[in-house]
N, C-alpha and C. Protein backbone atom coordinates (compact mmCIF):
# COMPACT_ATOMS: atom_id res chain seq x y z
N LYS A 1 37.23 -10.42 2.40
CA LYS A 1 38.06 -10.28 3.97
C LYS A 1 37.73 -11.76 4.00
N ASP A 2 38.51 -12.48 4.80
CA ASP A 2 38.47 -14.20 5.36
C ASP A 2 38.07 -13.86 6.57
N THR A 3 36.60 -13.87 6.77
CA THR A 3 35.92 -14.21 7.75
C THR A 3 35.81 -15.55 8.29
N SER A 4 35.25 -15.58 9.23
CA SER A 4 34.45 -17.10 9.75
C SER A 4 32.78 -17.20 8.89
N MET A 5 32.55 -15.94 8.66
CA MET A 5 31.22 -16.01 7.98
C MET A 5 31.44 -16.38 6.43
N ASN A 6 32.47 -15.50 6.09
CA ASN A 6 32.73 -16.21 4.71
C ASN A 6 33.16 -17.41 4.43
N THR A 7 33.94 -18.14 5.28
CA THR A 7 34.34 -19.42 5.17
C THR A 7 33.18 -20.51 4.91
N TYR A 8 32.02 -20.01 6.02
CA TYR A 8 30.82 -20.82 6.31
C TYR A 8 29.92 -20.88 5.05
N LEU A 9 29.67 -19.53 4.42
CA LEU A 9 29.12 -19.08 3.23
C LEU A 9 30.07 -19.68 1.73
N ASN A 10 31.10 -19.88 1.56
CA ASN A 10 31.88 -20.66 0.83
C ASN A 10 31.65 -22.31 1.33
N MET A 11 31.86 -22.56 2.42
CA MET A 11 31.45 -23.79 2.52
C MET A 11 29.82 -24.44 1.81
N LEU A 12 28.71 -23.50 2.35
CA LEU A 12 27.80 -23.66 1.52
C LEU A 12 27.94 -24.00 0.11
N LEU A 13 28.30 -23.15 -0.42
CA LEU A 13 28.49 -23.00 -1.96
C LEU A 13 29.19 -24.37 -2.58
N ASP A 14 30.25 -24.32 -1.85
CA ASP A 14 30.97 -25.61 -2.34
C ASP A 14 30.33 -26.97 -2.19
N TYR A 15 29.43 -27.13 -0.72
CA TYR A 15 28.44 -28.11 -0.72
C TYR A 15 27.57 -28.51 -1.90
N SER A 16 27.00 -27.00 -2.19
CA SER A 16 25.59 -27.59 -3.12
C SER A 16 26.22 -27.93 -4.26
N THR A 17 27.51 -27.68 -4.64
CA THR A 17 27.90 -28.10 -6.32
C THR A 17 28.31 -29.75 -5.91
N LYS A 18 28.50 -30.28 -4.76
CA LYS A 18 29.01 -31.37 -4.67
C LYS A 18 27.87 -32.55 -3.88
N SER A 19 26.67 -32.30 -3.63
CA SER A 19 25.65 -32.78 -3.49
C SER A 19 24.24 -32.67 -4.37
N ASP A 20 23.95 -33.90 -3.97
CA ASP A 20 22.14 -33.57 -4.36
C ASP A 20 21.16 -32.54 -3.86
N LYS A 21 20.31 -32.45 -4.17
CA LYS A 21 19.50 -31.54 -3.31
C LYS A 21 19.16 -31.73 -2.25
N PRO A 22 19.58 -30.60 -1.30
CA PRO A 22 19.33 -31.12 0.30
C PRO A 22 17.88 -31.15 0.65
N SER A 23 17.62 -31.66 1.90
CA SER A 23 16.46 -32.15 2.30
C SER A 23 16.05 -30.85 2.97
N SER A 24 14.69 -30.96 3.18
CA SER A 24 14.24 -29.54 3.90
C SER A 24 14.62 -29.70 5.43
N LYS A 25 15.14 -30.70 5.77
CA LYS A 25 15.34 -30.84 7.19
C LYS A 25 16.85 -30.35 7.41
N PHE A 26 17.81 -30.23 6.39
CA PHE A 26 18.87 -30.10 6.51
C PHE A 26 18.59 -28.46 6.06
N LEU A 27 17.95 -27.86 5.40
CA LEU A 27 18.04 -26.32 5.14
C LEU A 27 17.06 -25.67 6.59
N GLU A 28 16.50 -26.40 7.16
CA GLU A 28 15.73 -25.99 8.18
C GLU A 28 16.99 -25.78 9.39
N LYS A 29 17.96 -26.59 9.32
CA LYS A 29 18.97 -26.44 10.41
C LYS A 29 19.64 -25.34 10.22
N ILE A 30 20.03 -25.03 9.09
CA ILE A 30 21.22 -24.10 8.85
C ILE A 30 20.44 -22.76 8.23
N ILE A 31 19.21 -22.81 8.40
CA ILE A 31 18.35 -21.34 8.10
C ILE A 31 18.49 -20.46 9.69
N PRO A 32 18.99 -19.24 9.38
CA PRO A 32 18.85 -18.59 10.68
C PRO A 32 17.50 -18.35 10.95
N VAL A 33 17.23 -18.70 12.31
CA VAL A 33 15.44 -18.24 12.95
C VAL A 33 15.71 -16.73 13.68
N SER A 34 14.85 -16.28 13.41
CA SER A 34 14.57 -14.64 14.29
C SER A 34 13.39 -14.05 14.28
N ARG A 35 12.16 -15.07 14.17
CA ARG A 35 11.06 -14.21 13.88
C ARG A 35 10.75 -13.35 14.87
N GLY A 36 10.49 -11.85 14.31
CA GLY A 36 10.24 -10.76 15.38
C GLY A 36 11.72 -10.51 16.12
N ALA A 37 12.45 -10.95 16.27
CA ALA A 37 13.76 -10.72 17.19
C ALA A 37 14.30 -9.13 16.72
N LEU A 38 14.30 -8.13 17.46
CA LEU A 38 15.04 -7.43 17.30
C LEU A 38 16.73 -7.50 17.10
N MET A 39 17.55 -7.10 16.04
CA MET A 39 18.83 -7.69 15.78
C MET A 39 19.72 -6.57 15.64
N ASP A 40 20.94 -6.56 15.72
CA ASP A 40 21.93 -5.09 15.17
C ASP A 40 22.50 -5.41 13.78
N ARG A 41 23.00 -4.63 13.45
CA ARG A 41 23.29 -4.54 11.68
C ARG A 41 23.81 -6.09 11.05
N ALA A 42 24.85 -6.22 12.02
CA ALA A 42 25.83 -7.26 11.96
C ALA A 42 25.42 -8.53 11.66
N THR A 43 24.68 -8.89 12.80
CA THR A 43 23.65 -10.13 12.98
C THR A 43 22.72 -10.15 11.44
N PHE A 44 22.10 -8.99 11.36
CA PHE A 44 20.73 -9.05 10.40
C PHE A 44 21.79 -9.50 8.96
N CYS A 45 22.78 -8.70 8.95
CA CYS A 45 23.92 -8.96 7.67
C CYS A 45 24.12 -10.52 7.06
N ASN A 46 24.29 -10.97 8.51
CA ASN A 46 25.10 -12.25 8.40
C ASN A 46 23.97 -13.17 7.90
N ARG A 47 22.53 -12.86 8.69
CA ARG A 47 21.78 -14.09 8.47
C ARG A 47 20.83 -13.70 7.03
N VAL A 48 20.94 -12.48 6.73
CA VAL A 48 20.52 -12.36 5.11
C VAL A 48 21.53 -13.01 4.51
N ASN A 49 22.58 -12.80 4.48
CA ASN A 49 23.51 -13.35 3.41
C ASN A 49 23.75 -14.97 3.35
N ILE A 50 23.28 -15.57 4.63
CA ILE A 50 23.31 -16.98 4.60
C ILE A 50 21.94 -17.34 3.58
N LEU A 51 20.93 -16.41 3.82
CA LEU A 51 19.55 -16.61 3.42
C LEU A 51 20.03 -16.70 1.40
N LEU A 52 20.66 -15.78 1.24
CA LEU A 52 20.87 -15.35 0.01
C LEU A 52 21.61 -16.30 -0.66
N CYS A 53 22.64 -16.76 0.26
CA CYS A 53 23.66 -17.97 -0.46
C CYS A 53 22.76 -18.97 -0.45
N LEU A 54 21.70 -19.11 0.32
CA LEU A 54 21.19 -20.44 0.35
C LEU A 54 20.14 -20.47 -0.58
N SER A 55 19.54 -19.16 -1.31
CA SER A 55 18.96 -19.12 -2.58
C SER A 55 19.52 -19.62 -3.64
N VAL A 56 20.92 -19.00 -3.82
CA VAL A 56 21.54 -19.09 -5.13
C VAL A 56 22.06 -20.65 -5.14
N ALA A 57 22.69 -21.16 -3.88
CA ALA A 57 23.25 -22.53 -3.91
C ALA A 57 21.95 -23.51 -4.58
N PHE A 58 20.76 -23.57 -3.63
CA PHE A 58 19.95 -24.59 -3.82
C PHE A 58 18.60 -24.22 -4.60
N LYS A 59 18.77 -22.96 -5.39
CA LYS A 59 18.28 -22.48 -5.78
C LYS A 59 16.43 -22.81 -5.55
N ARG A 60 16.26 -21.90 -4.13
CA ARG A 60 15.56 -21.64 -3.26
C ARG A 60 14.58 -20.41 -3.33
N ASN A 61 13.66 -20.09 -2.92
CA ASN A 61 12.90 -18.88 -2.56
C ASN A 61 12.88 -18.77 -1.38
N PHE A 62 13.63 -17.87 -0.75
CA PHE A 62 13.56 -17.45 0.58
C PHE A 62 13.27 -15.87 1.04
N GLU A 63 12.42 -15.55 0.01
CA GLU A 63 12.10 -14.45 0.17
C GLU A 63 11.14 -14.04 1.58
N SER A 64 10.35 -15.29 1.68
CA SER A 64 9.50 -15.07 3.23
C SER A 64 10.37 -14.73 4.29
N ARG A 65 11.45 -15.40 4.34
CA ARG A 65 12.10 -15.72 5.24
C ARG A 65 13.04 -14.39 5.35
N ILE A 66 13.11 -13.96 4.15
CA ILE A 66 14.33 -12.70 4.51
C ILE A 66 12.89 -11.33 5.10
N ASN A 67 12.01 -11.32 4.68
CA ASN A 67 10.96 -10.74 5.01
C ASN A 67 10.83 -10.59 6.45
N GLU A 68 10.98 -11.88 7.07
CA GLU A 68 10.83 -12.27 8.47
C GLU A 68 11.95 -11.57 9.24
N LEU A 69 13.17 -11.59 8.64
CA LEU A 69 14.59 -10.79 9.23
C LEU A 69 14.32 -9.27 9.04
N LEU A 70 13.57 -9.02 7.81
CA LEU A 70 13.43 -7.50 7.73
C LEU A 70 12.41 -6.82 8.74
N ALA A 71 11.47 -7.65 9.24
CA ALA A 71 10.58 -6.90 10.09
C ALA A 71 11.08 -6.78 11.30
N GLY A 72 12.27 -7.63 11.77
CA GLY A 72 12.88 -7.42 13.14
C GLY A 72 14.22 -6.50 12.71
N TYR A 73 14.09 -5.70 11.51
CA TYR A 73 15.36 -4.89 11.51
C TYR A 73 15.20 -3.33 11.83
N GLN A 74 15.41 -2.68 12.57
CA GLN A 74 15.29 -1.49 13.21
C GLN A 74 16.04 -0.52 12.15
N ILE A 75 15.39 0.68 11.41
CA ILE A 75 16.28 1.52 10.40
C ILE A 75 16.08 2.71 11.36
N ASP A 76 17.52 2.87 11.60
CA ASP A 76 18.04 4.16 12.31
C ASP A 76 18.25 5.11 11.27
N GLN A 77 19.72 4.56 10.38
CA GLN A 77 20.38 5.73 9.75
C GLN A 77 20.10 5.47 8.38
N LYS A 78 20.65 6.12 7.17
CA LYS A 78 20.61 5.92 6.08
C LYS A 78 21.25 4.61 5.75
N LEU A 79 22.00 4.16 6.06
CA LEU A 79 23.00 3.22 5.91
C LEU A 79 22.09 1.82 6.06
N ASP A 80 21.12 2.02 6.87
CA ASP A 80 20.15 0.97 7.14
C ASP A 80 19.15 0.71 6.00
N ILE A 81 18.90 1.92 5.28
CA ILE A 81 17.93 2.23 3.88
C ILE A 81 18.87 1.60 2.97
N GLN A 82 19.86 1.49 2.91
CA GLN A 82 20.81 1.27 1.59
C GLN A 82 21.16 -0.18 2.03
N ILE A 83 21.36 -0.75 3.04
CA ILE A 83 21.02 -1.96 3.28
C ILE A 83 19.91 -2.72 2.98
N ILE A 84 18.84 -2.44 3.44
CA ILE A 84 17.58 -2.93 3.01
C ILE A 84 17.39 -2.98 1.56
N ILE A 85 17.37 -2.22 0.75
CA ILE A 85 17.52 -2.07 -0.44
C ILE A 85 18.19 -3.02 -1.24
N LYS A 86 19.67 -2.92 -0.77
CA LYS A 86 20.30 -4.06 -1.25
C LYS A 86 20.09 -5.31 -1.46
N VAL A 87 19.25 -5.44 -0.27
CA VAL A 87 18.64 -6.93 0.34
C VAL A 87 17.49 -7.20 -0.88
N ILE A 88 16.82 -6.47 -0.55
CA ILE A 88 15.55 -6.23 -1.83
C ILE A 88 15.73 -6.59 -3.24
N GLU A 89 16.87 -5.74 -3.70
CA GLU A 89 17.36 -5.84 -5.04
C GLU A 89 18.01 -7.33 -4.96
N SER A 90 19.02 -7.64 -4.07
CA SER A 90 19.35 -9.13 -4.39
C SER A 90 18.54 -10.13 -4.44
N THR A 91 17.71 -10.19 -3.45
CA THR A 91 16.81 -11.00 -3.66
C THR A 91 15.70 -11.21 -4.71
N VAL A 92 15.34 -9.96 -5.43
CA VAL A 92 14.84 -9.77 -6.65
C VAL A 92 15.47 -10.92 -7.47
N LYS A 93 16.58 -10.35 -7.72
CA LYS A 93 17.57 -10.99 -9.06
C LYS A 93 17.95 -12.24 -9.04
N ILE A 94 18.04 -12.61 -7.80
CA ILE A 94 18.18 -14.10 -7.25
C ILE A 94 16.78 -14.71 -7.58
N ASN A 95 15.70 -14.44 -7.38
CA ASN A 95 14.02 -14.93 -7.51
C ASN A 95 14.30 -15.05 -9.06
N GLU A 96 14.69 -13.98 -9.88
CA GLU A 96 14.34 -13.89 -11.51
C GLU A 96 15.18 -15.17 -11.80
N ARG A 97 16.61 -15.01 -11.46
CA ARG A 97 17.50 -16.05 -11.84
C ARG A 97 16.68 -17.34 -11.57
N ASN A 98 16.57 -17.83 -10.59
CA ASN A 98 16.03 -19.07 -10.18
C ASN A 98 14.52 -19.24 -10.92
N GLY A 99 13.92 -18.48 -11.27
CA GLY A 99 12.43 -18.66 -12.06
C GLY A 99 11.58 -18.26 -11.05
N PHE A 100 11.70 -17.87 -9.82
CA PHE A 100 10.64 -17.22 -9.21
C PHE A 100 9.93 -15.91 -9.07
N VAL A 101 8.80 -15.78 -8.61
CA VAL A 101 8.05 -14.79 -8.53
C VAL A 101 8.38 -14.09 -7.44
N SER A 102 8.71 -12.42 -7.16
CA SER A 102 9.10 -11.86 -5.98
C SER A 102 7.82 -11.17 -5.66
N THR A 103 7.66 -10.78 -4.55
CA THR A 103 6.36 -10.21 -3.91
C THR A 103 6.78 -8.58 -3.34
N PHE A 104 7.84 -8.32 -3.34
CA PHE A 104 8.27 -6.57 -2.56
C PHE A 104 7.64 -6.76 -1.59
N LYS A 105 7.59 -7.64 -0.58
CA LYS A 105 6.57 -7.28 0.34
C LYS A 105 7.45 -5.99 1.61
N SER A 106 8.46 -6.07 1.34
CA SER A 106 9.27 -5.41 2.69
C SER A 106 9.63 -4.26 1.90
N LEU A 107 9.28 -3.62 0.44
CA LEU A 107 9.57 -2.40 0.50
C LEU A 107 9.03 -1.04 0.43
N ASP A 108 7.40 -1.37 1.25
CA ASP A 108 7.02 -0.67 1.92
C ASP A 108 7.60 -0.05 3.13
N LEU A 109 8.65 -0.67 4.02
CA LEU A 109 9.19 -0.14 5.41
C LEU A 109 10.11 0.68 4.51
N VAL A 110 11.00 0.48 3.54
CA VAL A 110 12.04 1.62 3.03
C VAL A 110 11.64 2.81 2.59
N VAL A 111 10.29 2.48 1.56
CA VAL A 111 9.53 3.54 1.00
C VAL A 111 9.00 5.11 2.23
N LEU A 112 8.43 3.95 3.07
CA LEU A 112 8.26 5.04 4.33
C LEU A 112 8.87 5.40 5.09
N LYS A 113 10.08 5.03 5.43
CA LYS A 113 11.37 5.56 5.79
C LYS A 113 11.65 6.99 5.09
N CYS A 114 11.78 6.86 3.56
CA CYS A 114 12.63 7.29 2.85
C CYS A 114 11.80 8.44 2.53
N ILE A 115 10.23 8.46 2.88
CA ILE A 115 9.42 9.61 2.39
C ILE A 115 9.50 10.28 3.96
N GLU A 116 9.69 9.62 4.91
CA GLU A 116 9.68 10.26 5.94
C GLU A 116 10.71 11.41 6.57
N ILE A 117 12.00 10.63 6.27
CA ILE A 117 13.22 11.48 6.15
C ILE A 117 13.28 12.46 4.85
N LYS A 118 12.40 12.27 4.17
CA LYS A 118 12.74 13.27 2.49
C LYS A 118 13.75 12.95 1.94
N GLU A 119 13.87 11.71 1.74
CA GLU A 119 15.09 11.20 1.41
C GLU A 119 15.06 10.59 0.28
N LEU A 120 14.58 10.28 -0.92
CA LEU A 120 14.04 9.39 -2.29
C LEU A 120 15.28 9.06 -2.80
N ASN A 121 16.45 9.28 -2.82
CA ASN A 121 16.96 9.21 -3.84
C ASN A 121 17.70 7.45 -3.80
N PRO A 122 17.61 6.90 -2.63
CA PRO A 122 17.84 5.51 -2.53
C PRO A 122 17.14 4.78 -3.50
N ILE A 123 16.10 5.08 -3.29
CA ILE A 123 14.79 4.46 -3.87
C ILE A 123 15.06 4.81 -5.48
N LYS A 124 15.29 5.93 -5.90
CA LYS A 124 15.50 6.34 -7.43
C LYS A 124 16.87 5.46 -7.83
N ILE A 125 17.62 4.98 -6.96
CA ILE A 125 18.99 4.21 -7.26
C ILE A 125 18.38 3.00 -7.47
N PHE A 126 18.08 2.55 -6.40
CA PHE A 126 17.19 1.14 -6.67
C PHE A 126 16.68 0.77 -7.66
N PHE A 127 15.32 1.69 -8.21
CA PHE A 127 14.39 1.62 -9.16
C PHE A 127 15.45 1.25 -10.61
N SER A 128 16.53 2.11 -10.60
CA SER A 128 17.31 2.27 -11.90
C SER A 128 18.21 0.93 -12.39
N ALA A 129 18.73 0.17 -10.65
CA ALA A 129 19.38 -0.52 -10.75
C ALA A 129 18.50 -1.69 -10.77
N LEU A 130 17.30 -1.90 -10.98
CA LEU A 130 16.60 -3.13 -11.49
C LEU A 130 16.54 -3.46 -12.90
N ASN A 131 16.19 -4.77 -13.42
CA ASN A 131 16.02 -4.52 -14.94
C ASN A 131 14.43 -5.25 -15.05
N PHE A 132 13.92 -4.00 -14.78
CA PHE A 132 12.35 -4.33 -14.58
C PHE A 132 11.79 -4.90 -15.98
N LYS A 133 12.16 -4.30 -17.35
CA LYS A 133 11.40 -4.77 -18.36
C LYS A 133 11.56 -6.50 -18.53
N SER A 134 13.10 -7.03 -17.77
CA SER A 134 13.35 -8.31 -17.75
C SER A 134 12.61 -9.53 -16.67
N PHE A 135 11.84 -8.64 -16.22
CA PHE A 135 11.21 -9.37 -14.85
C PHE A 135 9.67 -10.20 -15.23
N LYS A 136 9.44 -11.46 -14.79
CA LYS A 136 8.38 -11.92 -15.05
C LYS A 136 7.27 -10.91 -14.91
N MET A 137 6.13 -11.17 -15.70
CA MET A 137 5.11 -10.23 -15.61
C MET A 137 4.37 -10.09 -14.18
N LYS A 138 4.52 -11.38 -13.41
CA LYS A 138 3.67 -11.22 -12.26
C LYS A 138 4.72 -10.63 -11.11
N THR A 139 5.70 -10.76 -11.62
CA THR A 139 6.71 -10.22 -10.58
C THR A 139 6.75 -8.44 -10.74
N GLN A 140 6.78 -7.93 -12.03
CA GLN A 140 6.37 -6.73 -12.32
C GLN A 140 4.66 -6.16 -11.87
N LYS A 141 4.13 -7.11 -12.00
CA LYS A 141 2.49 -6.42 -11.44
C LYS A 141 2.53 -6.22 -9.93
N ASN A 142 3.34 -7.42 -9.33
CA ASN A 142 3.67 -7.13 -7.78
C ASN A 142 4.26 -6.06 -7.55
N LEU A 143 5.44 -5.45 -8.12
CA LEU A 143 6.07 -3.95 -7.90
C LEU A 143 4.84 -3.05 -7.90
N ILE A 144 4.39 -3.08 -9.38
CA ILE A 144 3.45 -2.02 -9.43
C ILE A 144 2.11 -1.92 -8.39
N ILE A 145 1.74 -3.04 -7.88
CA ILE A 145 0.97 -2.74 -6.96
C ILE A 145 1.31 -2.24 -5.70
N LYS A 146 2.68 -2.84 -5.33
CA LYS A 146 3.47 -2.29 -4.10
C LYS A 146 3.40 -0.86 -4.25
N LEU A 147 3.77 -0.03 -5.46
CA LEU A 147 3.91 0.97 -5.71
C LEU A 147 2.81 1.83 -5.50
N SER A 148 1.93 1.55 -5.89
CA SER A 148 0.36 2.24 -6.08
C SER A 148 0.12 2.74 -4.46
N ALA A 149 0.58 1.97 -3.27
CA ALA A 149 0.36 2.42 -2.21
C ALA A 149 0.64 3.54 -1.70
N PHE A 150 1.51 4.50 -2.51
CA PHE A 150 2.09 5.85 -2.43
C PHE A 150 2.09 6.58 -3.52
N LYS A 151 0.91 6.19 -4.19
CA LYS A 151 0.44 7.02 -5.60
C LYS A 151 0.25 8.36 -5.19
N HIS A 152 -0.08 8.59 -3.79
CA HIS A 152 -0.69 10.23 -3.39
C HIS A 152 0.69 11.16 -3.03
N ASP A 153 1.68 10.24 -2.61
CA ASP A 153 2.95 10.98 -2.65
C ASP A 153 3.68 11.82 -4.01
N GLY A 154 3.48 12.78 -4.70
CA GLY A 154 3.69 13.41 -5.96
C GLY A 154 5.15 13.20 -6.37
N THR A 155 6.00 13.56 -5.01
CA THR A 155 7.35 13.00 -5.48
C THR A 155 8.12 11.60 -5.73
N PHE A 156 7.64 11.15 -4.96
CA PHE A 156 7.46 9.41 -4.99
C PHE A 156 6.89 8.98 -6.58
N LEU A 157 5.84 9.32 -6.39
CA LEU A 157 5.00 9.13 -7.88
C LEU A 157 6.07 9.37 -8.81
N LYS A 158 6.61 10.38 -9.14
CA LYS A 158 7.49 11.03 -10.20
C LYS A 158 9.01 9.60 -10.13
N ILE A 159 9.42 9.53 -9.21
CA ILE A 159 10.19 8.78 -9.27
C ILE A 159 9.71 7.03 -9.81
N CYS A 160 8.64 6.76 -9.40
CA CYS A 160 7.73 5.59 -10.15
C CYS A 160 7.54 5.43 -11.51
N GLU A 161 7.41 6.81 -11.71
CA GLU A 161 6.98 6.83 -13.28
C GLU A 161 7.21 5.97 -14.71
N PRO A 162 8.50 6.21 -14.60
CA PRO A 162 9.16 4.97 -15.71
C PRO A 162 9.04 3.84 -15.38
N LEU A 163 8.78 3.10 -14.29
CA LEU A 163 8.27 1.81 -14.30
C LEU A 163 7.05 1.72 -14.41
N ILE A 164 6.43 2.36 -14.28
CA ILE A 164 4.33 2.60 -14.63
C ILE A 164 4.24 2.70 -16.04
N ARG A 165 5.57 3.51 -16.74
CA ARG A 165 5.45 3.15 -18.19
C ARG A 165 5.76 2.41 -19.04
N ASP A 166 6.66 1.41 -18.29
CA ASP A 166 7.42 0.10 -18.75
C ASP A 166 6.53 -1.20 -18.61
N TYR A 167 5.70 -0.78 -17.60
CA TYR A 167 4.79 -1.78 -17.32
C TYR A 167 3.58 -1.76 -18.26
N ALA A 168 3.07 -0.29 -18.42
CA ALA A 168 2.02 -0.18 -19.50
C ALA A 168 2.35 -0.45 -20.68
N THR A 169 3.49 -0.49 -20.95
CA THR A 169 3.85 -0.89 -22.79
C THR A 169 4.32 -2.32 -22.78
N LEU A 170 4.43 -2.90 -21.83
CA LEU A 170 4.78 -4.51 -21.47
C LEU A 170 3.47 -5.45 -21.33
N VAL A 171 2.65 -4.75 -20.47
CA VAL A 171 1.40 -5.74 -20.50
C VAL A 171 0.62 -6.02 -21.61
N THR A 172 0.23 -7.10 -21.75
CA THR A 172 -0.67 -7.55 -22.66
C THR A 172 -1.96 -7.76 -22.66
N GLU A 173 -2.05 -8.39 -21.18
CA GLU A 173 -3.29 -9.33 -21.14
C GLU A 173 -4.27 -8.22 -20.39
N LYS A 174 -5.37 -8.46 -20.58
CA LYS A 174 -6.71 -7.48 -20.08
C LYS A 174 -6.31 -7.14 -18.55
N GLU A 175 -6.00 -8.61 -17.87
CA GLU A 175 -6.24 -8.56 -16.54
C GLU A 175 -4.84 -7.58 -15.96
N GLY A 176 -3.55 -7.15 -16.76
CA GLY A 176 -2.55 -6.46 -16.61
C GLY A 176 -3.12 -4.87 -16.60
N PHE A 177 -3.90 -4.83 -17.46
CA PHE A 177 -4.66 -3.30 -17.36
C PHE A 177 -5.64 -3.00 -16.42
N GLU A 178 -6.18 -3.80 -16.51
CA GLU A 178 -7.39 -3.77 -15.22
C GLU A 178 -6.69 -3.16 -13.54
N SER A 179 -5.43 -4.37 -13.70
CA SER A 179 -4.71 -3.77 -12.26
C SER A 179 -3.96 -2.58 -12.35
N LEU A 180 -3.29 -2.18 -13.25
CA LEU A 180 -2.84 -0.90 -13.44
C LEU A 180 -4.27 0.14 -13.34
N LYS A 181 -5.22 0.01 -13.88
CA LYS A 181 -6.43 0.71 -13.81
C LYS A 181 -6.58 1.00 -12.40
N ASN A 182 -6.84 -0.22 -11.79
CA ASN A 182 -7.34 -0.45 -10.16
C ASN A 182 -6.34 0.26 -9.49
N SER A 183 -4.85 0.10 -9.69
CA SER A 183 -3.94 0.47 -9.05
C SER A 183 -3.70 2.08 -8.90
N PHE A 184 -4.11 2.63 -10.32
CA PHE A 184 -3.86 3.95 -10.22
C PHE A 184 -4.62 4.92 -11.01
N GLY A 185 -6.09 4.08 -11.32
CA GLY A 185 -6.76 5.21 -11.88
C GLY A 185 -7.50 6.25 -11.07
N ASP A 186 -7.29 6.48 -9.91
CA ASP A 186 -7.77 7.57 -8.90
C ASP A 186 -6.97 8.43 -8.88
N ILE A 187 -5.78 8.54 -9.92
CA ILE A 187 -4.82 9.60 -9.53
C ILE A 187 -5.46 11.17 -10.44
N SER A 188 -5.48 12.07 -10.03
CA SER A 188 -6.11 13.16 -10.91
C SER A 188 -4.81 13.96 -10.97
């Protein structure tokens, strides 16, 4: 669609190919500000798209800024869950491509809502869309630690099981095994 937002995003991408690394001051001027402010779906999507575009164009990690936006977004419908999952997925994939570690800080918002409404299929689709084995070990560890917060929900744990098994087969250092043991060791 040829909207003013798409034109703006294309201009940012075009600028990134024709200029040197932008200054922090420049980026601060174009980064959407909304710490803690509630916003509608369109505003949220536009602001996230700007941050994702900036991440791609300038190879910067804006995960913390995206998490700030997510904190101000009200999850009311299943569509909101799908949007947030897509935002997290896109952020992780861009971070991997740019060489950054992802924290998955906002994943618990979605998981809690999915457990609450007893609709875990979006999470299952999200996990299958991730190329978990290709992630940096620290990103994998961050996801496993995040998932461990919900280990006592049997249905959710069943969805996570393939990722946990993959992590167990990929981890090589003692610290990784200790992390796995500490995260899931008390499950009976």
